Structures are given as structure tokens and as C-alpha cells.
Amino acid sequence: MRKVHWSRRLFNYLNVLALAGIALVTLYPFLYVVFASISDPVELMGNSSLLWKPIGFSLAVTIHGVEKTD
């Protein structure tokens, strides 16, 4: 079995880091919409940081959106 050259190993490491970064950048907007739709609207409007989890819990926005489409 051949030994993997250090440049190949470095490339693989940097490639994984770059692809993981791209995955996070693409996945975050989707998660933001999902978390915002199940968060409490009043608490969400007062939030000034990144949304990594739902704030409070309320389905008011989701229910309002469903009622508007009927």
C-alpha cells in the first residue's frame, strides 16, 4: 500500500473544510425560516442575534399563513 503524500492529505483536509463551510452557508437560511416559523413572534422581533434554535414556541405564524392561503 502506498503512503499518501502530505500535499494530497492537505488538499483533502482543506476540501472537507471548504465543503462543510458551503454546506453550512446553504443550510442556515432554510433553518432560519423553519425556526422563525415556529418561534414566538414577539420574542423573535426582539432578537438581534443569529437564530440557532426556536425562541419560545408558537405556531401562530404558521397557522396565520395557512389561514391566509384558504
N, C-alpha and C. Protein backbone atom coordinates (compact mmCIF):
# COMPACT_ATOMS: atom_id res chain seq x y z
N MET A 1 0.85 -1.17 0.00
CA MET A 1 0.00 0.00 0.00
C MET A 1 0.90 1.24 0.00
N ARG A 2 0.56 2.21 -0.84
CA ARG A 2 1.37 3.42 -0.96
C ARG A 2 1.00 4.43 0.12
N LYS A 3 2.02 5.15 0.57
CA LYS A 3 1.81 6.19 1.56
C LYS A 3 1.23 7.43 0.86
N VAL A 4 0.24 8.06 1.50
CA VAL A 4 -0.40 9.26 0.94
C VAL A 4 0.53 10.45 1.16
N HIS A 5 0.77 11.17 0.09
CA HIS A 5 1.66 12.32 0.14
C HIS A 5 1.02 13.42 0.99
N TRP A 6 1.84 14.23 1.67
CA TRP A 6 1.34 15.27 2.55
C TRP A 6 0.49 16.30 1.81
N SER A 7 0.83 16.58 0.55
CA SER A 7 0.05 17.57 -0.20
C SER A 7 -1.35 17.05 -0.51
N ARG A 8 -1.46 15.76 -0.76
CA ARG A 8 -2.77 15.15 -1.01
C ARG A 8 -3.61 15.17 0.26
N ARG A 9 -2.96 14.90 1.39
CA ARG A 9 -3.66 14.91 2.67
C ARG A 9 -4.13 16.33 3.01
N LEU A 10 -3.27 17.32 2.75
CA LEU A 10 -3.64 18.72 2.98
C LEU A 10 -4.80 19.14 2.09
N PHE A 11 -4.74 18.73 0.82
CA PHE A 11 -5.83 19.04 -0.10
C PHE A 11 -7.15 18.44 0.39
N ASN A 12 -7.11 17.20 0.81
CA ASN A 12 -8.34 16.55 1.30
C ASN A 12 -8.89 17.26 2.53
N TYR A 13 -8.03 17.67 3.44
CA TYR A 13 -8.44 18.38 4.64
C TYR A 13 -9.08 19.72 4.29
N LEU A 14 -8.42 20.49 3.43
CA LEU A 14 -8.97 21.79 3.03
C LEU A 14 -10.25 21.65 2.23
N ASN A 15 -10.33 20.60 1.43
CA ASN A 15 -11.53 20.33 0.64
C ASN A 15 -12.72 20.04 1.55
N VAL A 16 -12.51 19.23 2.58
CA VAL A 16 -13.58 18.93 3.53
C VAL A 16 -14.02 20.19 4.26
N LEU A 17 -13.06 21.02 4.69
CA LEU A 17 -13.40 22.27 5.36
C LEU A 17 -14.20 23.20 4.46
N ALA A 18 -13.78 23.33 3.22
CA ALA A 18 -14.49 24.22 2.29
C ALA A 18 -15.91 23.72 2.02
N LEU A 19 -16.06 22.42 1.79
CA LEU A 19 -17.39 21.88 1.52
C LEU A 19 -18.30 21.95 2.74
N ALA A 20 -17.74 21.76 3.93
CA ALA A 20 -18.54 21.89 5.15
C ALA A 20 -18.99 23.34 5.34
N GLY A 21 -18.11 24.29 5.03
CA GLY A 21 -18.48 25.71 5.11
C GLY A 21 -19.58 26.06 4.13
N ILE A 22 -19.47 25.56 2.91
CA ILE A 22 -20.50 25.81 1.90
C ILE A 22 -21.83 25.19 2.33
N ALA A 23 -21.77 23.99 2.92
CA ALA A 23 -23.00 23.33 3.39
C ALA A 23 -23.67 24.14 4.48
N LEU A 24 -22.88 24.68 5.41
CA LEU A 24 -23.46 25.50 6.49
C LEU A 24 -24.08 26.78 5.94
N VAL A 25 -23.40 27.42 5.01
CA VAL A 25 -23.91 28.66 4.44
C VAL A 25 -25.20 28.42 3.67
N THR A 26 -25.31 27.26 3.05
CA THR A 26 -26.53 26.97 2.29
C THR A 26 -27.66 26.47 3.16
N LEU A 27 -27.32 25.80 4.24
CA LEU A 27 -28.35 25.23 5.10
C LEU A 27 -28.93 26.24 6.08
N TYR A 28 -28.16 27.23 6.50
CA TYR A 28 -28.63 28.17 7.51
C TYR A 28 -29.90 28.93 7.12
N PRO A 29 -30.03 29.47 5.89
CA PRO A 29 -31.29 30.18 5.56
C PRO A 29 -32.53 29.29 5.68
N PHE A 30 -32.40 28.03 5.30
CA PHE A 30 -33.52 27.10 5.44
C PHE A 30 -33.87 26.91 6.91
N LEU A 31 -32.86 26.68 7.75
CA LEU A 31 -33.11 26.51 9.18
C LEU A 31 -33.68 27.78 9.80
N TYR A 32 -33.24 28.94 9.35
CA TYR A 32 -33.75 30.21 9.88
C TYR A 32 -35.25 30.32 9.62
N VAL A 33 -35.69 29.98 8.42
CA VAL A 33 -37.11 30.07 8.09
C VAL A 33 -37.92 29.09 8.93
N VAL A 34 -37.41 27.87 9.10
CA VAL A 34 -38.12 26.87 9.90
C VAL A 34 -38.19 27.31 11.36
N PHE A 35 -37.07 27.78 11.92
CA PHE A 35 -37.06 28.21 13.32
C PHE A 35 -37.91 29.45 13.53
N ALA A 36 -37.89 30.39 12.58
CA ALA A 36 -38.69 31.60 12.71
C ALA A 36 -40.19 31.28 12.63
N SER A 37 -40.54 30.27 11.85
CA SER A 37 -41.96 29.96 11.70
C SER A 37 -42.55 29.29 12.94
N ILE A 38 -41.70 28.70 13.77
CA ILE A 38 -42.24 28.06 14.99
C ILE A 38 -41.84 28.82 16.25
N SER A 39 -41.24 30.00 16.10
CA SER A 39 -40.87 30.82 17.26
C SER A 39 -42.00 31.78 17.61
N ASP A 40 -41.95 32.29 18.83
CA ASP A 40 -42.90 33.30 19.28
C ASP A 40 -42.60 34.60 18.54
N PRO A 41 -43.57 35.18 17.82
CA PRO A 41 -43.30 36.38 17.01
C PRO A 41 -42.77 37.57 17.81
N VAL A 42 -43.27 37.79 19.01
CA VAL A 42 -42.84 38.94 19.81
C VAL A 42 -41.38 38.76 20.23
N GLU A 43 -41.02 37.57 20.68
CA GLU A 43 -39.65 37.32 21.08
C GLU A 43 -38.72 37.33 19.87
N LEU A 44 -39.20 36.88 18.74
CA LEU A 44 -38.39 36.87 17.52
C LEU A 44 -38.06 38.28 17.06
N MET A 45 -39.02 39.20 17.17
CA MET A 45 -38.76 40.58 16.75
C MET A 45 -37.75 41.25 17.68
N GLY A 46 -37.66 40.84 18.93
CA GLY A 46 -36.72 41.42 19.87
C GLY A 46 -35.34 40.78 19.80
N ASN A 47 -35.20 39.73 19.02
CA ASN A 47 -33.93 39.03 18.92
C ASN A 47 -33.00 39.76 17.95
N SER A 48 -31.76 40.01 18.37
CA SER A 48 -30.82 40.69 17.49
C SER A 48 -29.63 39.81 17.13
N SER A 49 -29.63 38.56 17.58
CA SER A 49 -28.52 37.67 17.29
C SER A 49 -28.94 36.63 16.25
N LEU A 50 -28.03 35.74 15.93
CA LEU A 50 -28.34 34.67 14.99
C LEU A 50 -29.38 33.73 15.61
N LEU A 51 -30.16 33.14 14.77
CA LEU A 51 -31.23 32.25 15.23
C LEU A 51 -30.76 30.81 15.06
N TRP A 52 -30.26 30.21 16.15
CA TRP A 52 -29.74 28.84 16.10
C TRP A 52 -30.75 27.82 16.61
N LYS A 53 -31.82 28.32 17.24
CA LYS A 53 -32.87 27.44 17.75
C LYS A 53 -34.14 28.29 17.86
N PRO A 54 -35.30 27.66 17.91
CA PRO A 54 -36.53 28.43 18.06
C PRO A 54 -36.54 29.21 19.37
N ILE A 55 -37.09 30.42 19.33
CA ILE A 55 -37.20 31.26 20.52
C ILE A 55 -38.63 31.14 21.02
N GLY A 56 -38.79 30.58 22.20
CA GLY A 56 -40.14 30.31 22.66
C GLY A 56 -40.73 29.23 21.76
N PHE A 57 -42.00 29.08 21.77
CA PHE A 57 -42.65 28.16 20.83
C PHE A 57 -44.05 28.67 20.56
N SER A 58 -44.33 28.86 19.30
CA SER A 58 -45.65 29.32 18.91
C SER A 58 -45.88 28.93 17.46
N LEU A 59 -47.04 28.42 17.17
CA LEU A 59 -47.40 28.10 15.80
C LEU A 59 -48.28 29.18 15.19
N ALA A 60 -48.32 30.36 15.82
CA ALA A 60 -49.19 31.45 15.35
C ALA A 60 -48.84 31.87 13.93
N VAL A 61 -47.58 32.00 13.62
CA VAL A 61 -47.18 32.42 12.27
C VAL A 61 -47.55 31.36 11.25
N THR A 62 -47.33 30.12 11.59
CA THR A 62 -47.67 29.03 10.68
C THR A 62 -49.17 28.94 10.47
N ILE A 63 -49.94 29.04 11.53
CA ILE A 63 -51.40 28.98 11.43
C ILE A 63 -51.93 30.17 10.65
N HIS A 64 -51.37 31.35 10.89
CA HIS A 64 -51.77 32.56 10.16
C HIS A 64 -51.49 32.39 8.66
N GLY A 65 -50.36 31.80 8.32
CA GLY A 65 -50.03 31.57 6.91
C GLY A 65 -50.98 30.59 6.25
N VAL A 66 -51.38 29.57 6.97
CA VAL A 66 -52.33 28.59 6.42
C VAL A 66 -53.70 29.22 6.24
N GLU A 67 -54.13 30.03 7.21
CA GLU A 67 -55.44 30.69 7.10
C GLU A 67 -55.47 31.68 5.93
N LYS A 68 -54.36 32.36 5.66
CA LYS A 68 -54.32 33.33 4.58
C LYS A 68 -54.42 32.69 3.22
N THR A 69 -53.95 31.44 3.08
CA THR A 69 -53.98 30.78 1.78
C THR A 69 -55.34 30.16 1.46
N ASP A 70 -56.20 30.00 2.46
CA ASP A 70 -57.54 29.42 2.21
C ASP A 70 -58.49 30.37 1.59
